[in-house]
Structures are given as C-alpha cells and as structure tokens.
Amino acid sequence: MLPPASTSADNYTTELINDSSTRLATTADPTCNLDFLKELSRSIFGSPVGIDLLNNEGEISISFGDAIETMSTSIANKFNSAAGTVSAGSAAETSGSDSLKICNKIYQQILGSFPNRYTLMHKAIAGTGTMTDGSGLVVTGGSGTGATVDVFMTGSTVDNITIAQVATGGAFIKGETITITDDDSNTLTIVINSIQTGILNGTLDTATELPIEVGDIFNTIVTVKNNASQTNVAGKVLDTIGDNIARTYLLKMKMI
C-alpha cells in the first residue's frame, strides 16, 4: 500500500523504495530514482525534464542505489548488536545510542499494536478436544521441563494463559512447539516466541529478543542528497548557493 499523498507538512514523496531501486536500478520503475534525477536536473538546468542532458545518468542511478544500500545496511546493523538491548523503564529508552532508541520504538509499537505477543496466549491453537479452565496444567514439548500454567477459557476461546511454575529443568527455546493439557486430556499448542520462551523459563529479567514476526514491516524515512561538489550549468556549487537536493523517501522493510 502506498503512503498517503504528501501534504505541506510532509517532506517525503509518495514513492516507495523496493528492490529495483537498488544498485543497477533503472529510472523507469520504481520512480524514486527518477524523482531524484528530475530534482537534480531542476537544480542543474532549471528544469526537471533535462535528465537526458546528463551524460552520466547511468552512473547517478547507480550512486542513488548505492546510497540506499548504504543506509539500509546501516539500519540493519542496528539490529545485529547486543548493544540494542534496553531495560524497560530505563533512561536508555529515550536517550543514548540509536540502537537503544530503535529497540524502544519497536517495543512500543508492538506493545500498542499486537499486545498479545507479550503473553503466553499468543497464537495458542486448539489441539485435541476443547480446552477448559485449569490451574497448574503441565506444559510438555520443547527443551524445558517442570513448567505449569493456568488457563482461562470462554467456550473455545482462550481468554488468558498465565505462568504458574517456570521450568525447573532444561530451558525452552524460541520456535519450539509446546503442548498444554487439561485434566480431560484436551490440549492447546503454541509455537513459542521469544517472550513466551522467557516467561516459561523465568528469564524475562535478562536480555530478551523483541517478538518480531515474519510479515512485519518496518517503515523508515531515508534522505538522499546530491554530491557535495555538484555544480549547476553556471558552474556554481549547489550546496554553496542553497540549491542543493535533499529528497526523502519511504523505505519499507518486510521480515521474511
């Protein structure tokens, strides 16, 4: 889905960056690359239709793609470091390194949009029969043992699942499938995420991955500028005369 059309308060275009905007991109589709070339032409020649007057159009297109790749790599690197961990409620949530700020933003977004991801009931699926309310129900499957939970149901709908006893042996691992069984042998199954793993192991007070899932989309605003030494047809440096280009685009990154 395209973002809404720009208003006077926006400084980004309605264009999306996708794979064909990266290195060796064409200027035909998508239009981010073409948008940048048009604005560069406007500053150099005084008209956005002067793109064909650029004798290095291809090289500029490649540089545009390289700039996007560089920014994408920089963003990705924020997710690859243990420095991205942050304690809830700490001062680092609102200050400190970019990694901490990004971590907090994602945490808050998931909490607001998908709060169930932070609960044991997230993606609980009926197995055998229809589960009923139960206390101290045994959790089997996975690498942990000894964990029990309390289950609250309304008919076939899971209202809540809370931890009664954390694992006493081994440790559950994210991605494992656990089974909860009531006194009548009815079951629920869950492919546990990072938060559920922490709940079952009793380790949420240690560094825990955010519950990011396949299909999640991260929207990032990136800005591409002209080369600092770029001149217009009169030989004047664009940055010096205040006619420089700074085009801002929406980069959508989807988890696969």
Foldseek 3Di string as FASTA:
>chain_A
DFDDQDDPPDQAGSFEDDDLQAAQHDCPPPPPLLVQLLLLCCLFVVGSPCSVVDPPSRVSSRVRRVVVVVVVVVVVVLVVDPVLFDDPPDPLCPDDDPSVVVSNVVQVVCCVPPVCLLFLCPPKAWDPDADAWDFQWFKDWFFFGDWGWTWHDDTRHTPHIATDDAGPDGFGDQQIKIWTAHPVRTIIIDRRHFNNRCRNNVNPVDGTDDRDDAFDKDKDKDKDWDDQQDHHPVNHGCVVVVSIDIHIYIYIDGHD
